[in-house]
Amino acid sequence: MNTAKPATKAGFALSLKGRALRYLAAREHSRAELERKLAPHEEAPGQLAQVLDELQAKDFISEARVVESVIHRRAGRYGAARIKHELLNKGLGAEAVAEAMDGLKASELARAREIWRKKFDGPAADAAGRAKQMRFLAARGFGGEVIRRVVSGPDDE
């Protein structure tokens, strides 16, 4: 069903509002994401902005829900840096992203330890093993201090 052609139903092209609602039904989208996805389908200048304003006024588009959704989906697998990058790419405001990061930083060490435990049997026996574990956690978006504390050995909780 995924084709490059515009989605049609009974021969009629889907309206901008219909497309936006279809995207929002699948998951939360920020206004910037919807603008990027729907811009090629805009038929008249200002039409897209009007549709998005209407959806935002009806609370179909919510920055807070987008932040909450991304954190809920990603916090169990990624560090704050990676999640921050994803939120910024969604075009969310810096204030909303900073507020979300404050909440994530508090649980960063515990989340990193849990991800590390799932991936590795225990502390590495040699420097090469420690480097591998550190690269894994760094790729997941965890900070250097958190990585050092996790890989260094026994839990100090």
Protein backbone atom coordinates (compact mmCIF):
# COMPACT_ATOMS: atom_id res chain seq x y z
CA MET A 1 0.00 0.00 0.00
CA ASN A 2 2.96 2.36 0.48
CA THR A 3 3.44 3.99 -2.86
CA ALA A 4 5.02 7.19 -4.03
CA LYS A 5 1.70 8.37 -5.49
CA PRO A 6 -0.63 10.54 -3.39
CA ALA A 7 -3.03 8.56 -1.24
CA THR A 8 -6.43 8.42 -2.87
CA LYS A 9 -9.79 7.10 -1.89
CA ALA A 10 -12.41 6.50 -4.55
CA GLY A 11 -10.33 8.53 -7.03
CA PHE A 12 -10.15 11.71 -4.92
CA ALA A 13 -6.83 13.03 -3.64
CA LEU A 14 -6.56 13.29 0.12
CA SER A 15 -6.82 16.85 1.42
CA LEU A 16 -4.01 18.43 3.42
CA LYS A 17 -6.10 18.10 6.57
CA GLY A 18 -6.79 14.45 5.78
CA ARG A 19 -3.11 13.76 5.26
CA ALA A 20 -2.22 15.55 8.50
CA LEU A 21 -4.82 13.57 10.43
CA ARG A 22 -3.51 10.34 8.93
CA TYR A 23 0.01 11.18 10.12
CA LEU A 24 -1.28 12.17 13.56
CA ALA A 25 -3.28 8.94 13.85
CA ALA A 26 -0.09 6.93 13.46
CA ARG A 27 1.94 8.84 16.08
CA GLU A 28 2.43 12.31 17.53
CA HIS A 29 4.02 14.77 15.11
CA SER A 30 5.34 18.25 15.74
CA ARG A 31 4.15 21.15 13.65
CA ALA A 32 7.55 21.33 11.93
CA GLU A 33 7.39 17.64 10.99
CA LEU A 34 3.92 18.05 9.51
CA GLU A 35 5.03 21.14 7.59
CA ARG A 36 7.96 19.20 6.14
CA LYS A 37 5.82 16.20 5.17
CA LEU A 38 2.84 18.13 3.83
CA ALA A 39 4.61 20.97 2.00
CA PRO A 40 4.79 19.09 -1.33
CA HIS A 41 1.00 18.66 -1.26
CA GLU A 42 0.13 22.31 -0.64
CA GLU A 43 -1.95 23.63 -3.54
CA ALA A 44 -2.23 27.32 -2.56
CA PRO A 45 0.16 29.53 -0.58
CA GLY A 46 -0.87 29.71 3.06
CA GLN A 47 -3.16 26.69 2.85
CA LEU A 48 -0.83 24.47 4.88
CA ALA A 49 -0.35 27.08 7.62
CA GLN A 50 -4.12 27.49 7.88
CA VAL A 51 -4.70 23.72 8.21
CA LEU A 52 -1.95 23.39 10.84
CA ASP A 53 -3.26 26.41 12.77
CA GLU A 54 -6.70 24.81 12.85
CA LEU A 55 -5.32 21.46 14.03
CA GLN A 56 -3.21 23.17 16.68
CA ALA A 57 -6.21 25.18 17.90
CA LYS A 58 -8.13 21.92 18.31
CA ASP A 59 -5.15 20.42 20.21
CA PHE A 60 -4.44 17.77 17.58
CA ILE A 61 -0.85 19.06 17.46
CA SER A 62 0.81 19.30 20.86
CA GLU A 63 4.49 19.93 21.53
CA ALA A 64 4.17 18.46 25.04
CA ARG A 65 2.67 15.21 23.72
CA VAL A 66 5.43 14.89 21.13
CA VAL A 67 8.08 15.27 23.84
CA GLU A 68 6.31 12.77 26.10
CA SER A 69 5.91 10.29 23.25
CA VAL A 70 9.57 10.41 22.20
CA ILE A 71 10.77 10.05 25.79
CA HIS A 72 8.41 7.15 26.41
CA ARG A 73 9.58 5.34 23.25
CA ARG A 74 13.30 6.07 23.55
CA ALA A 75 14.30 6.43 27.22
CA GLY A 76 14.61 2.68 27.75
CA ARG A 77 17.14 2.37 24.95
CA TYR A 78 18.97 5.68 24.56
CA GLY A 79 20.77 8.35 26.53
CA ALA A 80 19.81 11.98 26.95
CA ALA A 81 22.09 13.24 24.16
CA ARG A 82 20.52 10.98 21.55
CA ILE A 83 16.97 11.80 22.68
CA LYS A 84 17.79 15.52 22.71
CA HIS A 85 19.05 15.27 19.14
CA GLU A 86 15.83 13.54 18.06
CA LEU A 87 13.64 16.15 19.78
CA LEU A 88 15.56 19.00 18.16
CA ASN A 89 15.24 17.33 14.75
CA LYS A 90 11.48 17.30 15.23
CA GLY A 91 11.56 21.10 15.37
CA LEU A 92 10.50 21.41 19.00
CA GLY A 93 11.20 24.53 21.02
CA ALA A 94 14.45 24.76 22.95
CA GLU A 95 12.60 25.35 26.22
CA ALA A 96 10.53 22.15 25.88
CA VAL A 97 13.63 20.15 24.98
CA ALA A 98 15.63 21.58 27.92
CA GLU A 99 12.81 20.74 30.32
CA ALA A 100 12.67 17.17 29.00
CA MET A 101 16.45 16.82 29.36
CA ASP A 102 16.29 17.86 33.02
CA GLY A 103 13.97 14.94 33.68
CA LEU A 104 16.10 12.48 31.72
CA LYS A 105 19.39 13.47 33.35
CA ALA A 106 18.08 12.32 36.73
CA SER A 107 17.64 8.74 35.50
CA GLU A 108 20.58 8.64 33.09
CA LEU A 109 22.88 6.46 35.23
CA ALA A 110 20.19 3.90 36.05
CA ARG A 111 19.07 3.68 32.42
CA ALA A 112 22.67 3.29 31.20
CA ARG A 113 23.30 0.50 33.73
CA GLU A 114 20.17 -1.35 32.66
CA ILE A 115 21.07 -1.12 28.95
CA TRP A 116 24.63 -2.19 29.75
CA ARG A 117 23.40 -5.21 31.78
CA LYS A 118 21.18 -6.34 28.92
CA LYS A 119 24.01 -6.15 26.39
CA PHE A 120 27.02 -7.38 28.36
CA ASP A 121 27.57 -10.21 30.85
CA GLY A 122 29.57 -8.05 33.20
CA PRO A 123 32.65 -5.86 33.46
CA ALA A 124 35.14 -6.37 30.66
CA ALA A 125 38.28 -8.32 31.41
CA ASP A 126 40.62 -6.08 29.44
CA ALA A 127 40.99 -2.57 28.03
CA ALA A 128 39.72 -3.61 24.59
CA GLY A 129 36.55 -4.99 26.14
CA ARG A 130 36.02 -1.84 28.19
CA ALA A 131 36.53 0.29 25.08
CA LYS A 132 33.91 -1.77 23.24
CA GLN A 133 31.42 -1.30 26.08
CA MET A 134 32.15 2.42 26.23
CA ARG A 135 31.67 2.82 22.47
CA PHE A 136 28.34 0.98 22.72
CA LEU A 137 27.04 3.31 25.43
CA ALA A 138 28.40 6.40 23.68
CA ALA A 139 26.60 5.40 20.47
CA ARG A 140 23.42 5.16 22.52
CA GLY A 141 23.83 8.80 23.56
CA PHE A 142 25.10 8.53 27.12
CA GLY A 143 27.59 11.06 28.51
CA GLY A 144 31.22 10.35 29.32
CA GLU A 145 30.89 10.47 33.11
CA VAL A 146 27.90 8.12 33.09
CA ILE A 147 29.73 5.72 30.77
CA ARG A 148 32.81 5.69 33.02
CA ARG A 149 30.69 4.97 36.08
CA VAL A 150 28.81 2.13 34.38
CA VAL A 151 31.81 0.43 32.78
CA SER A 152 34.16 0.89 35.74
CA GLY A 153 32.72 -2.02 37.59
CA PRO A 154 30.47 -2.69 40.56
CA ASP A 155 27.31 -0.72 41.11
CA ASP A 156 27.70 2.15 43.55
CA GLU A 157 23.98 2.65 44.00
